[in-house]
């Protein structure tokens, strides 16, 4: 996937508090490490479920070919803009009247591009995510993120590479998993 997250979701202090409560930590000395573990657990959640858990502003680069193109990130909430990308990296906004966007019930975002002209690639800017913020994230996903971050914290000094996510976390996330046939 050729995606860049422009505005990542901000993890509130309540997310860190949940993890610290799960681990039984009261001191603030490891807050930066624990926050990083939560961010990594959110990325693992996306990889496992096929859905971006928290709403973020993103960009994806697509080939500049006429026709419909489906974005790889799901679920897409809104498609804001498309820019053509020249060989030298310059971006030229496409007139909104020259392209179409479609969001389906499964969260897929698609764009209909015009004839490309000289551009070889286009950049699509959009908003995607299951929940607007941490507190709106479904309980099973949120609890799985906390459990995975706690698991990683506890296993940080062991030598073995355990499969991720652990079975207890996978069981929480499995109902949210989206499979795609290629």
Protein backbone atom coordinates (compact mmCIF):
# COMPACT_ATOMS: atom_id res chain seq x y z
CA UNK A 1 0.00 0.00 0.00
CA UNK A 2 1.36 3.39 -0.92
CA UNK A 3 -0.30 5.34 1.91
CA UNK A 4 0.88 8.24 4.01
CA UNK A 5 -0.99 9.26 7.16
CA UNK A 6 -1.01 13.05 7.14
CA UNK A 7 -2.89 13.61 10.39
CA UNK A 8 -2.68 10.55 12.65
CA UNK A 9 -5.24 9.89 15.32
CA UNK A 10 -4.28 11.37 18.67
CA UNK A 11 -4.29 8.93 21.55
CA UNK A 12 -5.93 10.55 24.55
CA UNK A 13 -4.67 10.16 28.09
CA UNK A 14 -7.56 7.74 28.72
CA UNK A 15 -5.93 5.20 26.37
CA UNK A 16 -2.68 5.37 28.32
CA UNK A 17 -4.62 5.18 31.58
CA UNK A 18 -6.38 1.99 30.43
CA UNK A 19 -3.05 0.37 29.56
CA UNK A 20 -1.44 1.44 32.82
CA UNK A 21 -4.40 0.09 34.77
CA UNK A 22 -4.17 -3.24 32.90
CA UNK A 23 -0.45 -3.44 33.72
CA UNK A 24 -0.80 -2.18 37.28
CA UNK A 25 1.56 0.75 36.68
CA UNK A 26 1.05 3.94 38.67
CA UNK A 27 4.27 5.84 37.92
CA UNK A 28 4.71 8.00 34.82
CA UNK A 29 8.27 7.02 33.93
CA UNK A 30 7.29 4.66 31.10
CA UNK A 31 4.54 6.78 29.55
CA UNK A 32 6.42 7.42 26.27
CA UNK A 33 7.18 3.70 25.86
CA UNK A 34 3.61 2.72 26.67
CA UNK A 35 2.20 5.28 24.23
CA UNK A 36 4.50 3.89 21.52
CA UNK A 37 3.28 0.37 22.31
CA UNK A 38 -0.34 1.54 21.96
CA UNK A 39 0.47 3.08 18.55
CA UNK A 40 2.15 -0.16 17.42
CA UNK A 41 -0.83 -2.17 18.67
CA UNK A 42 -3.17 0.05 16.62
CA UNK A 43 -1.05 -0.68 13.52
CA UNK A 44 -1.21 -4.41 14.25
CA UNK A 45 -4.98 -4.09 14.69
CA UNK A 46 -5.23 -2.53 11.23
CA UNK A 47 -3.05 -5.23 9.69
CA UNK A 48 -5.14 -7.97 11.30
CA UNK A 49 -8.62 -6.55 10.68
CA UNK A 50 -8.01 -4.77 7.38
CA UNK A 51 -9.55 -1.59 8.79
CA UNK A 52 -7.92 1.56 10.12
CA UNK A 53 -9.15 1.70 13.74
CA UNK A 54 -9.00 5.44 14.44
CA UNK A 55 -9.93 8.21 12.03
CA UNK A 56 -6.99 9.83 10.26
CA UNK A 57 -6.35 12.02 7.24
CA UNK A 58 -4.43 10.01 4.64
CA UNK A 59 -3.06 10.11 1.12
CA UNK A 60 -2.63 7.26 -1.34
CA UNK A 61 -0.74 7.36 -4.61
CA UNK A 62 -2.41 5.71 -7.58
CA UNK A 63 -1.43 5.28 -11.22
CA UNK A 64 -2.82 8.06 -13.42
CA UNK A 65 -4.99 5.88 -15.65
CA UNK A 66 -8.50 6.76 -16.70
CA UNK A 67 -11.15 4.67 -14.96
CA UNK A 68 -12.16 3.58 -11.48
CA UNK A 69 -9.49 2.99 -8.82
CA UNK A 70 -10.11 1.53 -5.35
CA UNK A 71 -8.21 2.85 -2.36
CA UNK A 72 -6.43 0.23 -0.24
CA UNK A 73 -7.29 1.84 3.11
CA UNK A 74 -10.65 1.06 4.72
CA UNK A 75 -13.11 2.27 5.85
CA UNK A 76 -13.04 5.54 3.91
CA UNK A 77 -15.24 8.26 5.39
CA UNK A 78 -14.70 11.00 2.79
CA UNK A 79 -12.56 11.72 -0.27
CA UNK A 80 -11.41 15.34 -0.19
CA UNK A 81 -9.09 16.00 -3.13
CA UNK A 82 -7.04 14.54 -5.95
CA UNK A 83 -3.79 15.98 -7.27
CA UNK A 84 -1.76 14.92 -10.29
CA UNK A 85 1.87 14.19 -9.49
CA UNK A 86 4.42 15.20 -12.12
CA UNK A 87 7.76 13.46 -12.64
CA UNK A 88 9.55 16.22 -10.72
CA UNK A 89 7.21 15.80 -7.73
CA UNK A 90 5.08 18.88 -8.36
CA UNK A 91 1.43 18.53 -7.38
CA UNK A 92 -1.37 20.03 -9.44
CA UNK A 93 -4.90 19.88 -7.98
CA UNK A 94 -7.48 18.27 -10.25
CA UNK A 95 -10.70 20.21 -10.67
CA UNK A 96 -13.36 18.48 -8.58
CA UNK A 97 -15.65 18.43 -11.61
CA UNK A 98 -13.12 16.25 -13.48
CA UNK A 99 -13.29 13.26 -11.10
CA UNK A 100 -15.88 11.29 -9.17
CA UNK A 101 -15.79 9.55 -5.81
CA UNK A 102 -17.81 6.60 -4.51
CA UNK A 103 -18.00 5.12 -1.01
CA UNK A 104 -19.61 1.71 -0.67
CA UNK A 105 -21.32 0.11 2.32
CA UNK A 106 -18.22 -2.00 3.05
CA UNK A 107 -16.04 1.07 3.54
CA UNK A 108 -14.23 0.97 0.21
CA UNK A 109 -13.46 4.29 -1.42
CA UNK A 110 -13.22 4.53 -5.18
CA UNK A 111 -12.29 7.37 -7.51
CA UNK A 112 -13.03 7.77 -11.21
CA UNK A 113 -10.09 9.52 -12.81
CA UNK A 114 -10.10 11.45 -16.09
CA UNK A 115 -7.60 10.87 -18.88
CA UNK A 116 -4.21 11.39 -17.25
CA UNK A 117 -2.49 13.90 -19.52
CA UNK A 118 1.22 13.96 -18.72
CA UNK A 119 0.98 12.80 -15.08
CA UNK A 120 2.07 9.26 -14.27
CA UNK A 121 0.56 9.22 -10.76
CA UNK A 122 -2.16 10.92 -8.75
CA UNK A 123 -2.44 11.55 -5.02
CA UNK A 124 -5.83 11.02 -3.37
CA UNK A 125 -6.44 12.75 -0.02
CA UNK A 126 -9.14 11.23 2.18
CA UNK A 127 -10.32 10.56 5.73
CA UNK A 128 -10.59 6.97 6.90
CA UNK A 129 -11.16 5.08 10.15
CA UNK A 130 -13.70 3.02 12.07
CA UNK A 131 -14.05 5.48 14.95
CA UNK A 132 -13.57 9.22 15.32
CA UNK A 133 -11.59 8.81 18.55
CA UNK A 134 -10.42 6.30 21.17
CA UNK A 135 -13.62 6.47 23.23
CA UNK A 136 -15.77 5.74 20.16
CA UNK A 137 -13.69 2.68 19.17
CA UNK A 138 -15.72 -0.53 19.62
CA UNK A 139 -14.97 -2.14 22.99
CA UNK A 140 -13.53 -5.39 21.59
CA UNK A 141 -11.09 -3.53 19.35
CA UNK A 142 -10.07 -1.13 22.11
CA UNK A 143 -9.61 -3.92 24.63
CA UNK A 144 -7.56 -5.92 22.10
CA UNK A 145 -5.27 -2.92 21.50
CA UNK A 146 -4.72 -2.53 25.26
CA UNK A 147 -4.09 -6.26 25.72
CA UNK A 148 -1.63 -6.38 22.83
CA UNK A 149 0.29 -3.35 24.13
CA UNK A 150 0.36 -4.95 27.60
CA UNK A 151 1.57 -8.24 26.10
CA UNK A 152 4.37 -6.44 24.23
CA UNK A 153 5.35 -4.59 27.41
CA UNK A 154 5.56 -7.82 29.40
CA UNK A 155 7.48 -9.64 26.64
CA UNK A 156 9.94 -6.80 25.94
CA UNK A 157 12.87 -8.61 27.61
CA UNK A 158 12.25 -12.13 26.27
CA UNK A 159 14.26 -13.51 23.39
CA UNK A 160 11.53 -15.45 21.55
CA UNK A 161 9.51 -13.91 18.75
CA UNK A 162 5.91 -14.85 19.44
CA UNK A 163 3.31 -14.57 16.68
CA UNK A 164 1.26 -11.39 16.79
CA UNK A 165 -1.39 -10.93 17.80
CA UNK A 166 -1.67 -13.49 20.61
CA UNK A 167 -4.72 -15.76 20.50
CA UNK A 168 -6.54 -13.79 23.21
CA UNK A 169 -6.26 -10.60 21.15
CA UNK A 170 -7.05 -12.33 17.85
CA UNK A 171 -10.26 -13.65 19.39
CA UNK A 172 -11.34 -10.10 20.22
CA UNK A 173 -10.49 -8.77 16.76
CA UNK A 174 -11.66 -11.69 14.59
CA UNK A 175 -15.29 -10.47 14.25
CA UNK A 176 -13.93 -7.24 12.74
CA UNK A 177 -11.60 -8.94 10.28
CA UNK A 178 -12.19 -8.24 6.60
CA UNK A 179 -10.81 -10.73 4.13
CA UNK A 180 -10.25 -9.88 0.48
CA UNK A 181 -9.73 -12.29 -2.34
CA UNK A 182 -6.99 -11.22 -4.69
